[in-house]
Amino acid sequence: MTNKDLANLIFPNITKTIEDYEKIYPERNLPEGAMVTRFAPSPTGFVHMGSLLASFISSKAAKDTNGVFYLRIEDTDQKREVENGIEGIVADLKNFEINIDEGALSRTESIGNYGPYIQSERKEIYHAFIKHLLEIGMAYPCFCTEEHLDEIREMQEATKSRIGYYGRYAVCRNLKIDEAYNRIKNGEKFIIRLKSPGDFEKKIVVNDLVKGKIEFPENDLDIVIMKSDGLPTYHFAHLVDDHLMRTTHITRGDEWVSSLPIHIQLFQVFGFNPPKYAHLSPIMKQEGDTKRKLSKRKDPEAAMSYYTELGIPIKAVHLYLMTIANTNFEQWYDANKDKSIDDFKFDFKKISASGSLFDLEKLINISRNYISYLSAEEVYNNVLTWSKTYDLELYELLSKYKEYTINVFSIERYQKKPRKDYESWSSIKKNIWYMYDELFQNVDYDKGNITDKNEINNILSTYINSYYQESDDKDTWFSRIKELSTALGYCANMKEYKENPNNYKGSVADVSTVIRIALTSSTMTPDLYEIMKLLGADRVKSRILKFINA
């Protein structure tokens, strides 16, 4: 009885060899230095901020080097899979414009020549690789029950030994082939383990792209490579897939650092060159005086749906992710305002090894700046799209008053320092609502410095009856406001007013604020002249009369 006989018993229908799969999935024809990267989530929930960062970095690295970025779904732990998990991941990536070159599009669709891109559909491939290890004596069936494994663990804990299946604790490692063969023939349940060639007393050194040089003991654990259901473990599937899909760089969370000895060993057992690894520290959150890992269970801002609903522009999210990804990006971006994120060259060496503190205020500030430099038409189109899902009232107004709304968004936009009132698409309504008569109902007016009702009414009546001319240009309009102020005992010159405030009822600013409140309800708005031009004479007069009567 030989190892080959045992392998054929376990995998009687596996006829393809590793060499066959090397031909089916040949080396990629890519330019020198091109990176092949991947995002390989499990379909167990939504894409969160940490996984979005990893996918963003992988996508950027591939794009910068004219390489390939692909999506692989790791569903070997099918008990944890959620309904429509794959479709949810694909949708999250698409919503945030993380574009794949290859990979799964749904449970039934994919693009690319290196698939299947869903691990549960690659079972036959894994079996060919496991069969090879059995044939060369580098893997073996294990019949240990959970109860027996628990006993081993308790024994190790009692003697303060390392926990794991190795050395004298690996009781199935040295089973004779005949015995293993007969136990399988008799229907006994089994898993398959790697026969580790490692020596725990020896060291391996890994040059991580983020952490730098890391030293580990060699792996000497006989890890499980195939479960009793025939599916491979994560570790083994990772080896086969990354080799055959020709992955060159792997970006993942640093919770996987401790697995490097296992993964490197698996590549060595097959004689394959391992990819380069970049382990990212977790994104942290400040909570009082302490920091903790941003949690997809505790923190709503960890979920990407949070930003979709809030209406943070996708490009603003990309800009924020790049500030986390590369420490030199902000300085570059400040010096290259005329360029886009595509012009920036990502560098693994510029990733902070200690991780980043999540800063929602910074993200919102980036969003505010980004929106301020969009054209009015771009703002309109984005808000229209967002509001169709999240604010139908606003959507109907935008649809009804397209050109008018674009003009509203144009106020103080096309200038050296554009206004930055809008931090997200959801914040826009509260900034422009007063420009629509449909919303300008049952208004709660702010209070300015002038509070006497008679004085307010006198200012507004005098302005409408004697000083308001719809055809005035901006300079003439402001001159009339100054004339009105002087006529009513207010100082028309702010410098003079600051020097002699007791000589006047108030300033021209106080007078213009009364008009501003009457027309918008607010003391703080964009340029009042531009607002009045858009409202038009009839609405200006109507709103002032409404305010006086109120």
Protein backbone atom coordinates (compact mmCIF):
# COMPACT_ATOMS: atom_id res chain seq x y z
CA MET A 1 0.00 0.00 0.00
CA THR A 2 1.48 3.36 -1.03
CA ASN A 3 0.76 7.04 -0.47
CA LYS A 4 -0.59 7.13 -4.00
CA ASP A 5 -3.09 4.38 -3.20
CA LEU A 6 -4.30 6.38 -0.19
CA ALA A 7 -4.59 9.55 -2.30
CA ASN A 8 -6.61 7.71 -4.96
CA LEU A 9 -8.92 6.28 -2.32
CA ILE A 10 -9.67 9.72 -0.93
CA PHE A 11 -9.86 11.47 -4.32
CA PRO A 12 -10.84 8.81 -6.88
CA ASN A 13 -12.30 11.30 -9.35
CA ILE A 14 -9.46 13.83 -9.31
CA THR A 15 -7.55 13.30 -12.53
CA LYS A 16 -5.98 16.72 -13.13
CA THR A 17 -2.55 17.34 -11.66
CA ILE A 18 -0.87 20.48 -10.41
CA GLU A 19 0.97 20.68 -13.74
CA ASP A 20 -2.38 20.68 -15.54
CA TYR A 21 -3.55 23.65 -13.48
CA GLU A 22 -0.29 25.50 -14.11
CA LYS A 23 -1.15 25.33 -17.82
CA ILE A 24 -4.80 26.31 -17.28
CA TYR A 25 -3.72 29.35 -15.22
CA PRO A 26 -0.43 30.47 -16.80
CA GLU A 27 1.73 33.36 -15.71
CA ARG A 28 0.01 36.62 -16.62
CA ASN A 29 1.28 38.60 -19.58
CA LEU A 30 1.78 41.92 -17.79
CA PRO A 31 4.38 44.70 -17.92
CA GLU A 32 7.41 44.38 -15.65
CA GLY A 33 6.59 45.58 -12.15
CA ALA A 34 2.83 45.19 -12.63
CA MET A 35 1.09 44.14 -9.44
CA VAL A 36 -1.67 41.56 -9.24
CA THR A 37 -3.70 42.34 -6.13
CA ARG A 38 -6.96 41.16 -4.69
CA PHE A 39 -9.77 41.86 -2.27
CA ALA A 40 -10.83 38.56 -0.75
CA PRO A 41 -13.70 39.02 1.71
CA SER A 42 -16.00 36.44 3.22
CA PRO A 43 -19.72 36.95 2.38
CA THR A 44 -20.57 37.37 6.05
CA GLY A 45 -21.69 41.01 6.16
CA PHE A 46 -21.21 44.49 4.78
CA VAL A 47 -17.96 46.08 3.62
CA HIS A 48 -16.68 48.19 6.50
CA MET A 49 -14.17 51.04 6.62
CA GLY A 50 -11.21 48.75 7.30
CA SER A 51 -11.95 46.40 4.41
CA LEU A 52 -12.71 49.33 2.12
CA LEU A 53 -9.26 50.74 2.91
CA ALA A 54 -7.62 47.40 2.11
CA SER A 55 -9.51 47.08 -1.19
CA PHE A 56 -8.78 50.72 -2.05
CA ILE A 57 -5.04 50.22 -1.50
CA SER A 58 -5.02 47.00 -3.52
CA SER A 59 -6.94 48.63 -6.36
CA LYS A 60 -4.68 51.70 -6.39
CA ALA A 61 -1.48 49.63 -6.35
CA ALA A 62 -2.64 47.55 -9.32
CA LYS A 63 -3.84 50.57 -11.27
CA ASP A 64 -0.62 52.53 -10.74
CA THR A 65 1.46 49.65 -12.13
CA ASN A 66 -0.84 48.65 -15.01
CA GLY A 67 -1.59 45.44 -13.17
CA VAL A 68 -4.76 43.54 -12.22
CA PHE A 69 -7.08 43.94 -9.24
CA TYR A 70 -9.57 41.14 -8.69
CA LEU A 71 -12.34 40.18 -6.28
CA ARG A 72 -12.28 36.70 -4.78
CA ILE A 73 -15.04 35.48 -2.47
CA GLU A 74 -13.78 33.28 0.36
CA ASP A 75 -16.83 31.26 1.38
CA THR A 76 -15.27 28.08 2.72
CA ASP A 77 -16.89 28.81 6.11
CA GLN A 78 -20.41 28.53 4.76
CA LYS A 79 -22.08 28.50 8.18
CA ARG A 80 -21.34 32.22 8.57
CA GLU A 81 -22.50 33.30 5.10
CA VAL A 82 -25.39 35.77 5.02
CA GLU A 83 -28.12 35.94 2.39
CA ASN A 84 -27.03 37.91 -0.70
CA GLY A 85 -23.62 38.37 0.92
CA ILE A 86 -21.74 38.29 -2.38
CA GLU A 87 -24.11 40.71 -4.09
CA GLY A 88 -23.80 43.04 -1.09
CA ILE A 89 -20.01 43.09 -1.33
CA VAL A 90 -20.10 43.68 -5.09
CA ALA A 91 -22.61 46.52 -4.61
CA ASP A 92 -20.53 48.16 -1.86
CA LEU A 93 -17.42 48.15 -4.04
CA LYS A 94 -19.37 49.50 -7.00
CA ASN A 95 -21.02 52.22 -4.90
CA PHE A 96 -17.61 53.44 -3.79
CA GLU A 97 -16.07 53.11 -7.26
CA ILE A 98 -13.58 50.42 -6.31
CA ASN A 99 -13.49 48.90 -9.76
CA ILE A 100 -12.34 45.33 -10.29
CA ASP A 101 -10.59 44.04 -13.39
CA GLU A 102 -11.61 40.46 -12.68
CA GLY A 103 -13.67 38.54 -10.21
CA ALA A 104 -17.11 37.68 -8.94
CA LEU A 105 -20.04 39.88 -9.95
CA SER A 106 -22.65 37.74 -8.20
CA ARG A 107 -23.11 34.13 -7.10
CA THR A 108 -23.55 33.16 -10.77
CA GLU A 109 -21.59 35.77 -12.76
CA SER A 110 -17.92 36.73 -13.01
CA ILE A 111 -15.37 38.30 -15.35
CA GLY A 112 -11.82 37.15 -16.02
CA ASN A 113 -9.91 34.04 -17.07
CA TYR A 114 -8.52 32.97 -13.69
CA GLY A 115 -11.75 31.87 -12.02
CA PRO A 116 -13.88 30.52 -10.57
CA TYR A 117 -13.54 33.48 -8.19
CA ILE A 118 -15.74 31.93 -5.50
CA GLN A 119 -13.86 29.41 -3.36
CA SER A 120 -16.73 26.97 -2.91
CA GLU A 121 -16.68 26.51 -6.71
CA ARG A 122 -12.96 25.62 -6.72
CA LYS A 123 -13.25 22.42 -4.68
CA GLU A 124 -11.87 20.20 -7.44
CA ILE A 125 -8.80 22.42 -7.78
CA TYR A 126 -8.07 22.28 -4.04
CA HIS A 127 -8.50 18.52 -4.06
CA ALA A 128 -5.88 18.15 -6.81
CA PHE A 129 -3.38 20.09 -4.70
CA ILE A 130 -4.24 18.15 -1.53
CA LYS A 131 -3.99 14.88 -3.46
CA HIS A 132 -0.49 15.88 -4.55
CA LEU A 133 0.56 16.39 -0.92
CA LEU A 134 -0.86 13.00 0.02
CA GLU A 135 1.03 11.36 -2.83
CA ILE A 136 4.36 12.80 -1.73
CA GLY A 137 3.75 12.11 1.94
CA MET A 138 3.35 15.74 2.99
CA ALA A 139 -0.27 15.34 4.15
CA TYR A 140 -2.22 12.67 5.98
CA PRO A 141 -5.78 11.84 7.10
CA CYS A 142 -6.53 12.57 10.76
CA PHE A 143 -9.25 10.67 12.62
CA CYS A 144 -9.06 12.53 15.94
CA THR A 145 -12.44 13.40 17.41
CA GLU A 146 -13.24 16.76 18.96
CA GLU A 147 -13.20 15.05 22.35
CA HIS A 148 -9.70 13.72 21.76
CA LEU A 149 -8.46 17.11 20.58
CA ASP A 150 -9.91 18.65 23.75
CA GLU A 151 -7.97 16.11 25.80
CA ILE A 152 -4.76 17.02 24.00
CA ARG A 153 -5.40 20.71 24.65
CA GLU A 154 -6.09 20.10 28.35
CA MET A 155 -2.88 18.07 28.62
CA GLN A 156 -0.90 20.88 27.00
CA GLU A 157 -2.42 23.47 29.28
CA ALA A 158 -1.67 21.35 32.35
CA THR A 159 1.99 20.98 31.36
CA LYS A 160 2.19 24.58 30.10
CA SER A 161 3.14 23.35 26.63
CA ARG A 162 2.39 25.13 23.39
CA ILE A 163 -1.17 24.55 22.23
CA GLY A 164 -1.55 22.76 18.93
CA TYR A 165 -1.30 19.55 16.94
CA TYR A 166 2.43 18.88 16.62
CA GLY A 167 5.22 16.54 17.63
CA ARG A 168 4.11 13.81 20.02
CA TYR A 169 0.62 15.34 20.18
CA ALA A 170 0.09 14.69 16.45
CA VAL A 171 -1.14 11.16 17.07
CA CYS A 172 -2.34 10.49 13.52
CA ARG A 173 0.83 11.75 11.87
CA ASN A 174 2.58 8.38 12.00
CA LEU A 175 -0.37 6.10 11.24
CA LYS A 176 0.60 3.37 8.82
CA ILE A 177 -0.84 3.83 5.35
CA ASP A 178 -2.66 0.50 5.54
CA GLU A 179 -4.41 1.47 8.78
CA ALA A 180 -5.47 4.87 7.43
CA TYR A 181 -6.64 3.24 4.20
CA ASN A 182 -8.79 0.67 6.01
CA ARG A 183 -10.30 3.21 8.41
CA ILE A 184 -11.40 5.34 5.47
CA LYS A 185 -12.75 2.28 3.65
CA ASN A 186 -14.79 1.50 6.77
CA GLY A 187 -16.42 4.93 6.59
CA GLU A 188 -14.63 6.53 9.50
CA LYS A 189 -14.84 10.34 9.52
CA PHE A 190 -11.58 12.19 8.86
CA ILE A 191 -9.94 15.48 7.99
CA ILE A 192 -6.62 16.03 6.22
CA ARG A 193 -3.64 17.71 7.83
CA LEU A 194 -0.37 19.07 6.47
CA LYS A 195 2.67 17.07 7.62
CA SER A 196 4.63 20.14 8.60
CA PRO A 197 8.37 20.02 7.82
CA GLY A 198 8.95 22.95 10.18
CA ASP A 199 11.20 23.15 13.24
CA PHE A 200 9.93 25.47 15.98
CA GLU A 201 13.51 26.07 17.14
CA LYS A 202 14.42 27.60 13.77
CA LYS A 203 13.46 31.08 12.58
CA ILE A 204 12.01 32.52 9.40
CA VAL A 205 12.25 36.18 8.42
CA VAL A 206 9.50 37.93 6.45
CA ASN A 207 9.92 41.39 4.96
CA ASP A 208 6.45 42.84 5.35
CA LEU A 209 5.78 45.86 3.14
CA VAL A 210 4.32 47.79 6.08
CA LYS A 211 5.74 46.24 9.26
CA GLY A 212 9.25 45.76 7.88
CA LYS A 213 11.37 42.76 8.83
CA ILE A 214 9.52 40.32 11.11
CA GLU A 215 11.05 37.18 12.63
CA PHE A 216 9.01 34.11 13.55
CA PRO A 217 9.64 30.54 14.66
CA GLU A 218 9.02 28.11 11.83
CA ASN A 219 5.59 26.53 11.78
CA ASP A 220 5.62 22.99 13.12
CA LEU A 221 1.85 22.58 13.52
CA ASP A 222 0.16 19.95 11.40
CA ILE A 223 -2.59 22.32 10.40
CA VAL A 224 -5.88 21.16 8.94
CA ILE A 225 -5.92 21.74 5.19
CA MET A 226 -9.23 19.99 4.39
CA LYS A 227 -12.27 19.81 6.64
CA SER A 228 -14.57 16.81 6.95
CA ASP A 229 -17.01 18.40 4.46
CA GLY A 230 -14.32 18.30 1.78
CA LEU A 231 -13.77 22.06 1.72
CA PRO A 232 -10.29 23.43 2.35
CA THR A 233 -9.40 25.64 5.28
CA TYR A 234 -8.74 29.33 4.73
CA HIS A 235 -4.98 28.80 4.93
CA PHE A 236 -4.87 26.17 2.20
CA ALA A 237 -7.37 27.82 -0.14
CA HIS A 238 -5.37 31.06 0.18
CA LEU A 239 -2.23 29.26 -1.02
CA VAL A 240 -3.85 27.61 -4.05
CA ASP A 241 -5.84 30.65 -5.15
CA ASP A 242 -3.08 33.23 -4.77
CA HIS A 243 -0.65 31.02 -6.66
CA LEU A 244 -2.95 30.12 -9.56
CA MET A 245 -4.40 33.62 -9.83
CA ARG A 246 -0.79 34.85 -9.88
CA THR A 247 -1.22 37.28 -7.00
CA THR A 248 1.92 39.34 -6.39
CA HIS A 249 0.86 41.53 -3.43
CA ILE A 250 -1.56 40.84 -0.58
CA THR A 251 -2.95 43.68 1.55
CA ARG A 252 -4.83 42.56 4.65
CA GLY A 253 -5.38 43.32 8.33
CA ASP A 254 -2.55 42.68 10.76
CA GLU A 255 -4.62 40.08 12.61
CA TRP A 256 -3.17 37.77 9.94
CA VAL A 257 0.48 38.51 10.78
CA SER A 258 0.65 35.50 13.11
CA SER A 259 -0.41 33.25 10.19
CA LEU A 260 2.60 34.19 8.06
CA PRO A 261 4.71 31.17 9.13
CA ILE A 262 1.90 28.85 8.01
CA HIS A 263 1.31 30.65 4.73
CA ILE A 264 4.99 30.94 3.84
CA GLN A 265 5.47 27.25 4.65
CA LEU A 266 2.59 26.19 2.42
CA PHE A 267 4.14 28.02 -0.54
CA GLN A 268 7.52 26.44 0.22
CA VAL A 269 6.05 22.93 0.43
CA PHE A 270 4.86 23.28 -3.17
CA GLY A 271 8.01 25.08 -4.32
CA PHE A 272 6.06 28.28 -5.16
CA ASN A 273 7.27 31.82 -4.67
CA PRO A 274 5.06 33.50 -2.05
CA PRO A 275 3.50 36.90 -2.78
CA LYS A 276 4.57 40.01 -0.89
CA TYR A 277 2.48 40.84 2.15
CA ALA A 278 1.36 44.22 3.48
CA HIS A 279 -0.34 43.98 6.87
CA LEU A 280 -2.39 47.01 7.85
CA SER A 281 -2.83 48.07 11.45
CA PRO A 282 -6.49 48.53 12.41
CA ILE A 283 -8.19 51.89 12.09
CA MET A 284 -8.58 53.24 15.60
CA LYS A 285 -11.23 55.43 17.21
CA GLN A 286 -10.75 57.89 20.07
CA GLU A 287 -13.14 57.18 22.90
CA GLY A 288 -12.56 59.51 25.82
CA ASP A 289 -8.95 59.20 26.88
CA THR A 290 -8.46 55.83 25.21
CA LYS A 291 -8.25 54.45 21.71
CA ARG A 292 -9.94 51.32 20.44
CA LYS A 293 -10.39 49.56 17.15
CA LEU A 294 -13.16 50.98 14.96
CA SER A 295 -15.92 48.42 15.35
CA LYS A 296 -18.41 47.39 12.68
CA ARG A 297 -20.74 46.36 15.52
CA LYS A 298 -20.47 49.43 17.75
CA ASP A 299 -19.74 52.28 15.33
CA PRO A 300 -22.25 53.28 12.65
CA GLU A 301 -19.47 55.16 10.82
CA ALA A 302 -17.68 51.84 10.25
CA ALA A 303 -20.37 50.81 7.73
CA MET A 304 -20.08 52.22 4.22
CA SER A 305 -23.87 52.61 4.06
CA TYR A 306 -23.43 55.38 6.66
CA TYR A 307 -21.62 57.54 4.09
CA THR A 308 -24.00 56.67 1.28
CA GLU A 309 -26.99 57.76 3.35
CA LEU A 310 -25.18 60.85 4.61
CA GLY A 311 -24.28 61.75 1.05
CA ILE A 312 -20.51 62.04 1.36
CA PRO A 313 -19.16 62.18 -2.21
CA ILE A 314 -17.33 59.03 -3.23
CA LYS A 315 -14.28 61.01 -4.38
CA ALA A 316 -14.10 62.66 -0.95
CA VAL A 317 -14.06 59.21 0.66
CA HIS A 318 -11.23 58.25 -1.72
CA LEU A 319 -9.28 61.36 -0.74
CA TYR A 320 -9.71 60.51 2.93
CA LEU A 321 -8.67 56.89 2.39
CA MET A 322 -5.55 58.08 0.60
CA THR A 323 -4.60 60.29 3.55
CA ILE A 324 -4.74 57.11 5.66
CA ALA A 325 -3.00 54.98 3.05
CA ASN A 326 0.02 57.21 2.40
CA THR A 327 1.43 59.70 4.90
CA ASN A 328 2.78 61.95 2.13
CA PHE A 329 -0.49 62.30 0.23
CA GLU A 330 -1.87 65.41 1.95
CA GLN A 331 1.29 67.40 1.29
CA TRP A 332 1.28 66.27 -2.34
CA TYR A 333 -2.40 67.12 -2.79
CA ASP A 334 -2.01 70.58 -1.28
CA ALA A 335 0.76 71.29 -3.78
CA ASN A 336 -1.14 69.79 -6.74
CA LYS A 337 -4.69 71.16 -6.58
CA ASP A 338 -4.97 70.90 -10.37
CA LYS A 339 -4.36 67.13 -10.28
CA SER A 340 -6.49 64.17 -9.27
CA ILE A 341 -5.86 61.23 -6.99
CA ASP A 342 -5.05 59.18 -10.12
CA ASP A 343 -1.92 61.28 -10.62
CA PHE A 344 -0.57 60.37 -7.18
CA LYS A 345 1.66 57.30 -7.05
CA PHE A 346 0.85 55.02 -4.16
CA ASP A 347 3.80 53.63 -2.16
CA PHE A 348 3.55 50.75 0.32
CA LYS A 349 6.53 52.24 2.18
CA LYS A 350 4.44 55.31 3.06
CA ILE A 351 1.78 53.36 4.96
CA SER A 352 1.92 54.08 8.68
CA ALA A 353 2.97 50.92 10.52
CA SER A 354 1.12 52.04 13.65
CA GLY A 355 -2.22 52.55 11.89
CA SER A 356 -4.46 55.60 11.77
CA LEU A 357 -6.98 57.29 14.02
CA PHE A 358 -10.36 57.54 12.34
CA ASP A 359 -11.37 61.19 12.11
CA LEU A 360 -14.93 61.76 10.93
CA GLU A 361 -14.52 65.54 11.18
CA LYS A 362 -11.52 65.36 8.86
CA LEU A 363 -13.50 63.30 6.37
CA ILE A 364 -16.36 65.82 6.49
CA ASN A 365 -13.92 68.69 6.04
CA ILE A 366 -12.40 66.95 3.00
CA SER A 367 -15.93 66.46 1.68
CA ARG A 368 -16.75 70.15 2.22
CA ASN A 369 -13.64 71.22 0.33
CA TYR A 370 -14.28 68.75 -2.46
CA ILE A 371 -17.88 69.87 -3.00
CA SER A 372 -16.83 73.54 -3.01
CA TYR A 373 -14.69 72.98 -6.13
CA LEU A 374 -17.35 71.14 -8.13
CA SER A 375 -19.32 72.98 -10.76
CA ALA A 376 -22.90 73.95 -9.94
CA GLU A 377 -24.09 71.41 -12.50
CA GLU A 378 -22.06 68.64 -10.83
CA VAL A 379 -23.50 69.51 -7.44
CA TYR A 380 -27.01 69.52 -8.89
CA ASN A 381 -26.62 66.12 -10.57
CA ASN A 382 -25.15 64.51 -7.46
CA VAL A 383 -27.81 65.89 -5.12
CA LEU A 384 -30.54 64.90 -7.56
CA THR A 385 -29.26 61.30 -7.61
CA TRP A 386 -28.87 61.16 -3.84
CA SER A 387 -32.26 62.75 -3.06
CA LYS A 388 -34.13 60.34 -5.33
CA THR A 389 -33.38 57.65 -2.73
CA TYR A 390 -33.11 59.60 0.51
CA ASP A 391 -35.25 62.78 0.24
CA LEU A 392 -38.13 62.69 -2.23
CA GLU A 393 -39.36 66.16 -1.26
CA LEU A 394 -36.01 67.64 -2.24
CA TYR A 395 -35.86 65.47 -5.35
CA GLU A 396 -39.18 66.82 -6.59
CA LEU A 397 -38.09 70.42 -6.06
CA LEU A 398 -34.77 69.87 -7.83
CA SER A 399 -36.52 68.19 -10.74
CA LYS A 400 -39.08 70.98 -10.99
CA TYR A 401 -36.60 73.86 -10.76
CA LYS A 402 -33.46 72.58 -12.47
CA GLU A 403 -31.97 75.78 -13.91
CA TYR A 404 -33.04 77.81 -10.89
CA THR A 405 -31.36 75.33 -8.53
CA ILE A 406 -28.16 75.29 -10.57
CA ASN A 407 -28.10 79.07 -10.23
CA VAL A 408 -28.58 78.70 -6.47
CA PHE A 409 -25.56 76.40 -6.36
CA SER A 410 -23.60 78.95 -8.40
CA ILE A 411 -23.76 81.63 -5.68
CA GLU A 412 -20.20 82.36 -4.50
CA ARG A 413 -18.92 79.21 -6.19
CA TYR A 414 -16.87 80.50 -9.09
CA GLN A 415 -14.38 82.60 -7.18
CA LYS A 416 -10.88 82.20 -5.74
CA LYS A 417 -12.21 81.06 -2.37
CA PRO A 418 -15.59 79.42 -2.96
CA ARG A 419 -18.04 79.05 -0.10
CA LYS A 420 -17.94 75.76 1.79
CA ASP A 421 -21.46 75.50 3.17
CA TYR A 422 -22.14 71.98 1.90
CA GLU A 423 -20.42 69.14 3.73
CA SER A 424 -22.53 66.39 2.14
CA TRP A 425 -25.51 65.95 -0.14
CA SER A 426 -27.75 65.56 2.92
CA SER A 427 -26.59 68.95 4.28
CA ILE A 428 -27.66 70.88 1.20
CA LYS A 429 -31.37 71.10 1.94
CA LYS A 430 -30.82 72.89 5.25
CA ASN A 431 -28.66 75.42 3.40
CA ILE A 432 -30.96 76.23 0.49
CA TRP A 433 -34.50 75.43 1.68
CA TYR A 434 -35.48 79.11 1.90
CA MET A 435 -34.96 79.50 -1.85
CA TYR A 436 -38.15 77.50 -2.49
CA ASP A 437 -41.56 78.95 -1.69
CA GLU A 438 -42.89 75.43 -1.11
CA LEU A 439 -40.57 75.15 1.91
CA PHE A 440 -40.74 78.76 3.03
CA GLN A 441 -43.86 78.22 5.13
CA ASN A 442 -44.46 78.62 8.88
CA VAL A 443 -41.01 80.15 9.10
CA ASP A 444 -39.08 80.51 12.36
CA TYR A 445 -37.05 83.70 11.87
CA ASP A 446 -33.65 84.38 13.42
CA LYS A 447 -33.10 87.55 15.45
CA GLY A 448 -30.56 90.16 14.45
CA ASN A 449 -29.12 93.09 16.40
CA ILE A 450 -32.19 95.20 15.64
CA THR A 451 -35.12 93.79 17.61
CA ASP A 452 -37.64 96.63 17.83
CA LYS A 453 -40.58 95.65 15.62
CA ASN A 454 -41.42 99.19 14.58
CA GLU A 455 -37.82 99.88 13.62
CA ILE A 456 -37.63 96.66 11.63
CA ASN A 457 -40.87 97.44 9.83
CA ASN A 458 -39.67 100.98 9.10
CA ILE A 459 -36.41 99.68 7.56
CA LEU A 460 -38.20 97.15 5.38
CA SER A 461 -41.03 99.46 4.28
CA THR A 462 -38.64 102.28 3.43
CA TYR A 463 -36.39 99.91 1.51
CA ILE A 464 -39.18 98.40 -0.58
CA ASN A 465 -40.91 101.72 -1.27
CA SER A 466 -37.91 103.95 -1.90
CA TYR A 467 -34.64 102.06 -2.45
CA TYR A 468 -35.27 98.65 -4.01
CA GLN A 469 -34.73 98.37 -7.76
CA GLU A 470 -34.64 94.91 -9.29
CA SER A 471 -32.49 96.08 -12.23
CA ASP A 472 -29.62 97.37 -10.06
CA ASP A 473 -26.19 95.86 -10.50
CA LYS A 474 -24.37 94.79 -7.36
CA ASP A 475 -22.50 98.02 -6.75
CA THR A 476 -25.60 100.13 -7.23
CA TRP A 477 -27.61 97.79 -5.00
CA PHE A 478 -25.10 98.13 -2.19
CA SER A 479 -24.95 101.91 -2.62
CA ARG A 480 -28.71 102.05 -2.11
CA ILE A 481 -28.40 99.92 1.07
CA LYS A 482 -25.87 102.46 2.33
CA GLU A 483 -28.16 105.36 1.41
CA LEU A 484 -31.05 103.66 3.23
CA SER A 485 -28.83 103.18 6.30
CA THR A 486 -27.75 106.82 6.36
CA ALA A 487 -31.31 108.05 5.89
CA LEU A 488 -32.49 106.00 8.90
CA GLY A 489 -29.63 106.95 11.23
CA TYR A 490 -27.31 104.00 10.69
CA CYS A 491 -23.64 104.27 9.77
CA ALA A 492 -22.93 103.39 6.15
CA ASN A 493 -19.19 102.94 6.77
CA MET A 494 -18.11 100.03 8.99
CA LYS A 495 -14.75 101.57 9.91
CA GLU A 496 -16.43 104.78 11.00
CA TYR A 497 -19.02 102.82 12.98
CA LYS A 498 -16.37 100.85 14.88
CA GLU A 499 -14.61 104.10 15.81
CA ASN A 500 -17.80 105.93 16.88
CA PRO A 501 -20.57 103.37 17.59
CA ASN A 502 -22.45 105.70 19.95
CA ASN A 503 -23.12 108.19 17.17
CA TYR A 504 -25.43 105.81 15.31
CA LYS A 505 -28.37 103.46 15.79
CA GLY A 506 -26.23 100.72 14.31
CA SER A 507 -24.39 99.90 11.08
CA VAL A 508 -25.16 99.12 7.47
CA ALA A 509 -24.55 95.46 8.40
CA ASP A 510 -27.45 95.59 10.85
CA VAL A 511 -29.74 97.04 8.17
CA SER A 512 -28.77 94.44 5.58
CA THR A 513 -29.27 91.70 8.19
CA VAL A 514 -32.89 92.82 8.69
CA ILE A 515 -33.44 92.41 4.94
CA ARG A 516 -31.61 89.09 4.91
CA ILE A 517 -33.76 87.70 7.74
CA ALA A 518 -36.97 88.82 6.06
CA LEU A 519 -36.02 87.08 2.81
CA THR A 520 -34.35 83.92 4.14
CA SER A 521 -35.19 83.68 7.88
CA SER A 522 -31.46 83.45 8.62
CA THR A 523 -28.72 85.87 9.68
CA MET A 524 -26.11 83.77 7.85
CA THR A 525 -26.49 83.11 4.14
CA PRO A 526 -24.48 83.41 0.95
CA ASP A 527 -24.38 86.70 -0.94
CA LEU A 528 -27.65 88.60 -0.33
CA TYR A 529 -27.60 90.38 -3.68
CA GLU A 530 -27.35 87.05 -5.56
CA ILE A 531 -30.19 85.61 -3.50
CA MET A 532 -32.41 88.59 -4.28
CA LYS A 533 -31.64 88.38 -8.00
CA LEU A 534 -32.74 84.74 -8.03
CA LEU A 535 -35.87 85.36 -5.95
CA GLY A 536 -36.97 88.18 -8.25
CA ALA A 537 -38.91 91.35 -7.41
CA ASP A 538 -42.27 89.74 -6.79
CA ARG A 539 -40.95 87.25 -4.26
CA VAL A 540 -38.70 89.83 -2.60
CA LYS A 541 -41.66 92.13 -2.00
CA SER A 542 -43.96 89.28 -1.03
CA ARG A 543 -41.53 87.92 1.57
CA ILE A 544 -40.84 91.34 3.07
CA LEU A 545 -44.57 92.02 3.38
CA LYS A 546 -45.04 88.56 4.88
CA PHE A 547 -42.35 89.30 7.45
CA ILE A 548 -43.82 92.70 8.31
CA ASN A 549 -47.26 91.16 8.80
CA ALA A 550 -45.81 88.36 10.87
